[in-house]
Amino acid sequence: MQLAVIESNEKALEFWSDMGFEEIRGSKTIEDDKTGIDVIVMEQALI
């Protein structure tokens, strides 16, 4: 399972890390107005 967390959201990053998710890459979202938000993509294997 993968999810993206806004890079500046330290509490969310800590929460998902505590839930067993690991960072796999950084990315940037693209909005309709061509602005972007830096995110960290995290992943956890489903058993």
PDB file of N, CA and C in Angstrom:
ATOM      1  N   MET A   1       0.852  -1.154   0.000  1.00  0.00           N
ATOM      2  CA  MET A   1       0.000   0.000   0.000  1.00  0.00           C
ATOM      3  C   MET A   1       0.905   1.225   0.000  1.00  0.00           C
ATOM      4  N   GLN A   2       0.559   2.198  -0.770  1.00  0.00           N
ATOM      5  CA  GLN A   2       1.327   3.443  -0.813  1.00  0.00           C
ATOM      6  C   GLN A   2       0.435   4.620  -0.463  1.00  0.00           C
ATOM      7  N   LEU A   3       1.072   5.642   0.113  1.00  0.00           N
ATOM      8  CA  LEU A   3       0.373   6.889   0.391  1.00  0.00           C
ATOM      9  C   LEU A   3       1.367   8.034   0.249  1.00  0.00           C
ATOM     10  N   ALA A   4       0.856   9.225   0.134  1.00  0.00           N
ATOM     11  CA  ALA A   4       1.703  10.415   0.033  1.00  0.00           C
ATOM     12  C   ALA A   4       1.383  11.341   1.195  1.00  0.00           C
ATOM     13  N   VAL A   5       2.443  11.868   1.808  1.00  0.00           N
ATOM     14  CA  VAL A   5       2.314  12.773   2.947  1.00  0.00           C
ATOM     15  C   VAL A   5       2.968  14.096   2.581  1.00  0.00           C
ATOM     16  N   ILE A   6       2.308  15.202   2.865  1.00  0.00           N
ATOM     17  CA  ILE A   6       2.903  16.506   2.609  1.00  0.00           C
ATOM     18  C   ILE A   6       4.205  16.607   3.404  1.00  0.00           C
ATOM     19  N   GLU A   7       5.276  16.949   2.709  1.00  0.00           N
ATOM     20  CA  GLU A   7       6.619  16.929   3.293  1.00  0.00           C
ATOM     21  C   GLU A   7       6.739  17.738   4.578  1.00  0.00           C
ATOM     22  N   SER A   8       6.063  18.856   4.667  1.00  0.00           N
ATOM     23  CA  SER A   8       6.176  19.725   5.838  1.00  0.00           C
ATOM     24  C   SER A   8       5.317  19.268   7.019  1.00  0.00           C
ATOM     25  N   ASN A   9       4.515  18.225   6.835  1.00  0.00           N
ATOM     26  CA  ASN A   9       3.628  17.736   7.885  1.00  0.00           C
ATOM     27  C   ASN A   9       4.361  16.689   8.732  1.00  0.00           C
ATOM     28  N   GLU A  10       5.167  17.161   9.660  1.00  0.00           N
ATOM     29  CA  GLU A  10       6.011  16.280  10.465  1.00  0.00           C
ATOM     30  C   GLU A  10       5.200  15.304  11.321  1.00  0.00           C
ATOM     31  N   LYS A  11       4.063  15.746  11.850  1.00  0.00           N
ATOM     32  CA  LYS A  11       3.238  14.861  12.676  1.00  0.00           C
ATOM     33  C   LYS A  11       2.694  13.691  11.854  1.00  0.00           C
ATOM     34  N   ALA A  12       2.269  13.965  10.629  1.00  0.00           N
ATOM     35  CA  ALA A  12       1.758  12.894   9.771  1.00  0.00           C
ATOM     36  C   ALA A  12       2.883  11.934   9.380  1.00  0.00           C
ATOM     37  N   LEU A  13       4.052  12.473   9.069  1.00  0.00           N
ATOM     38  CA  LEU A  13       5.188  11.609   8.741  1.00  0.00           C
ATOM     39  C   LEU A  13       5.538  10.695   9.904  1.00  0.00           C
ATOM     40  N   GLU A  14       5.542  11.229  11.094  1.00  0.00           N
ATOM     41  CA  GLU A  14       5.839  10.434  12.283  1.00  0.00           C
ATOM     42  C   GLU A  14       4.757   9.370  12.497  1.00  0.00           C
ATOM     43  N   PHE A  15       3.489   9.763  12.336  1.00  0.00           N
ATOM     44  CA  PHE A  15       2.389   8.825  12.516  1.00  0.00           C
ATOM     45  C   PHE A  15       2.509   7.641  11.566  1.00  0.00           C
ATOM     46  N   TRP A  16       2.673   7.926  10.262  1.00  0.00           N
ATOM     47  CA  TRP A  16       2.726   6.845   9.286  1.00  0.00           C
ATOM     48  C   TRP A  16       3.981   5.999   9.453  1.00  0.00           C
ATOM     49  N   SER A  17       5.083   6.607   9.868  1.00  0.00           N
ATOM     50  CA  SER A  17       6.292   5.826  10.171  1.00  0.00           C
ATOM     51  C   SER A  17       6.018   4.875  11.334  1.00  0.00           C
ATOM     52  N   ASP A  18       5.346   5.376  12.355  1.00  0.00           N
ATOM     53  CA  ASP A  18       4.986   4.540  13.504  1.00  0.00           C
ATOM     54  C   ASP A  18       4.039   3.406  13.105  1.00  0.00           C
ATOM     55  N   MET A  19       3.252   3.606  12.053  1.00  0.00           N
ATOM     56  CA  MET A  19       2.334   2.576  11.568  1.00  0.00           C
ATOM     57  C   MET A  19       3.025   1.562  10.656  1.00  0.00           C
ATOM     58  N   GLY A  20       4.334   1.736  10.453  1.00  0.00           N
ATOM     59  CA  GLY A  20       5.102   0.762   9.671  1.00  0.00           C
ATOM     60  C   GLY A  20       5.379   1.151   8.237  1.00  0.00           C
ATOM     61  N   PHE A  21       4.975   2.345   7.824  1.00  0.00           N
ATOM     62  CA  PHE A  21       5.250   2.795   6.465  1.00  0.00           C
ATOM     63  C   PHE A  21       6.680   3.311   6.368  1.00  0.00           C
ATOM     64  N   GLU A  22       7.306   3.071   5.210  1.00  0.00           N
ATOM     65  CA  GLU A  22       8.669   3.527   4.966  1.00  0.00           C
ATOM     66  C   GLU A  22       8.694   4.461   3.764  1.00  0.00           C
ATOM     67  N   GLU A  23       9.534   5.480   3.840  1.00  0.00           N
ATOM     68  CA  GLU A  23       9.686   6.427   2.736  1.00  0.00           C
ATOM     69  C   GLU A  23      10.348   5.720   1.561  1.00  0.00           C
ATOM     70  N   ILE A  24       9.758   5.897   0.358  1.00  0.00           N
ATOM     71  CA  ILE A  24      10.366   5.304  -0.823  1.00  0.00           C
ATOM     72  C   ILE A  24      10.830   6.342  -1.839  1.00  0.00           C
ATOM     73  N   ARG A  25      10.233   7.549  -1.807  1.00  0.00           N
ATOM     74  CA  ARG A  25      10.689   8.599  -2.727  1.00  0.00           C
ATOM     75  C   ARG A  25       9.988   9.917  -2.405  1.00  0.00           C
ATOM     76  N   GLY A  26      10.548  10.980  -2.914  1.00  0.00           N
ATOM     77  CA  GLY A  26       9.905  12.280  -2.853  1.00  0.00           C
ATOM     78  C   GLY A  26       9.225  12.546  -4.185  1.00  0.00           C
ATOM     79  N   SER A  27       8.239  13.407  -4.179  1.00  0.00           N
ATOM     80  CA  SER A  27       7.523  13.753  -5.401  1.00  0.00           C
ATOM     81  C   SER A  27       6.920  15.136  -5.248  1.00  0.00           C
ATOM     82  N   LYS A  28       6.291  15.617  -6.285  1.00  0.00           N
ATOM     83  CA  LYS A  28       5.611  16.916  -6.256  1.00  0.00           C
ATOM     84  C   LYS A  28       4.267  16.748  -6.936  1.00  0.00           C
ATOM     85  N   THR A  29       3.216  17.206  -6.270  1.00  0.00           N
ATOM     86  CA  THR A  29       1.897  17.154  -6.884  1.00  0.00           C
ATOM     87  C   THR A  29       1.793  18.276  -7.912  1.00  0.00           C
ATOM     88  N   ILE A  30       0.927  18.112  -8.875  1.00  0.00           N
ATOM     89  CA  ILE A  30       0.673  19.151  -9.878  1.00  0.00           C
ATOM     90  C   ILE A  30      -0.797  19.534  -9.766  1.00  0.00           C
ATOM     91  N   GLU A  31      -1.052  20.777  -9.483  1.00  0.00           N
ATOM     92  CA  GLU A  31      -2.417  21.276  -9.362  1.00  0.00           C
ATOM     93  C   GLU A  31      -2.854  21.909 -10.680  1.00  0.00           C
ATOM     94  N   ASP A  32      -4.137  22.175 -10.807  1.00  0.00           N
ATOM     95  CA  ASP A  32      -4.674  22.773 -12.029  1.00  0.00           C
ATOM     96  C   ASP A  32      -4.014  24.094 -12.377  1.00  0.00           C
ATOM     97  N   ASP A  33      -3.627  24.851 -11.351  1.00  0.00           N
ATOM     98  CA  ASP A  33      -3.003  26.147 -11.609  1.00  0.00           C
ATOM     99  C   ASP A  33      -1.480  26.029 -11.757  1.00  0.00           C
ATOM    100  N   LYS A  34      -0.993  24.803 -11.923  1.00  0.00           N
ATOM    101  CA  LYS A  34       0.426  24.496 -12.170  1.00  0.00           C
ATOM    102  C   LYS A  34       1.328  24.687 -10.958  1.00  0.00           C
ATOM    103  N   THR A  35       0.747  24.900  -9.772  1.00  0.00           N
ATOM    104  CA  THR A  35       1.557  24.930  -8.565  1.00  0.00           C
ATOM    105  C   THR A  35       1.748  23.493  -8.087  1.00  0.00           C
ATOM    106  N   GLY A  36       2.708  23.279  -7.247  1.00  0.00           N
ATOM    107  CA  GLY A  36       2.954  21.927  -6.752  1.00  0.00           C
ATOM    108  C   GLY A  36       3.175  21.913  -5.258  1.00  0.00           C
ATOM    109  N   ILE A  37       2.951  20.759  -4.675  1.00  0.00           N
ATOM    110  CA  ILE A  37       3.182  20.553  -3.251  1.00  0.00           C
ATOM    111  C   ILE A  37       4.176  19.403  -3.125  1.00  0.00           C
ATOM    112  N   ASP A  38       5.242  19.606  -2.349  1.00  0.00           N
ATOM    113  CA  ASP A  38       6.212  18.545  -2.124  1.00  0.00           C
ATOM    114  C   ASP A  38       5.619  17.505  -1.188  1.00  0.00           C
ATOM    115  N   VAL A  39       5.684  16.240  -1.608  1.00  0.00           N
ATOM    116  CA  VAL A  39       5.169  15.145  -0.799  1.00  0.00           C
ATOM    117  C   VAL A  39       6.227  14.049  -0.684  1.00  0.00           C
ATOM    118  N   ILE A  40       6.061  13.208   0.312  1.00  0.00           N
ATOM    119  CA  ILE A  40       6.892  12.022   0.480  1.00  0.00           C
ATOM    120  C   ILE A  40       5.982  10.819   0.276  1.00  0.00           C
ATOM    121  N   VAL A  41       6.373   9.945  -0.644  1.00  0.00           N
ATOM    122  CA  VAL A  41       5.617   8.728  -0.902  1.00  0.00           C
ATOM    123  C   VAL A  41       6.131   7.658   0.053  1.00  0.00           C
ATOM    124  N   MET A  42       5.181   7.022   0.746  1.00  0.00           N
ATOM    125  CA  MET A  42       5.522   5.998   1.731  1.00  0.00           C
ATOM    126  C   MET A  42       4.814   4.705   1.336  1.00  0.00           C
ATOM    127  N   GLU A  43       5.391   3.586   1.792  1.00  0.00           N
ATOM    128  CA  GLU A  43       4.872   2.288   1.385  1.00  0.00           C
ATOM    129  C   GLU A  43       4.931   1.297   2.548  1.00  0.00           C
ATOM    130  N   GLN A  44       3.946   0.398   2.563  1.00  0.00           N
ATOM    131  CA  GLN A  44       3.945  -0.708   3.517  1.00  0.00           C
ATOM    132  C   GLN A  44       3.386  -1.925   2.793  1.00  0.00           C
ATOM    133  N   ALA A  45       4.061  -3.061   2.945  1.00  0.00           N
ATOM    134  CA  ALA A  45       3.599  -4.292   2.326  1.00  0.00           C
ATOM    135  C   ALA A  45       2.361  -4.803   3.051  1.00  0.00           C
ATOM    136  N   LEU A  46       1.384  -5.284   2.276  1.00  0.00           N
ATOM    137  CA  LEU A  46       0.196  -5.895   2.854  1.00  0.00           C
ATOM    138  C   LEU A  46       0.447  -7.392   2.965  1.00  0.00           C
ATOM    139  N   ILE A  47       0.037  -7.931   4.062  1.00  0.00           N
ATOM    140  CA  ILE A  47       0.285  -9.362   4.295  1.00  0.00           C
ATOM    141  C   ILE A  47      -0.984 -10.147   4.066  1.00  0.00           C
TER     142      ILE A  47
END
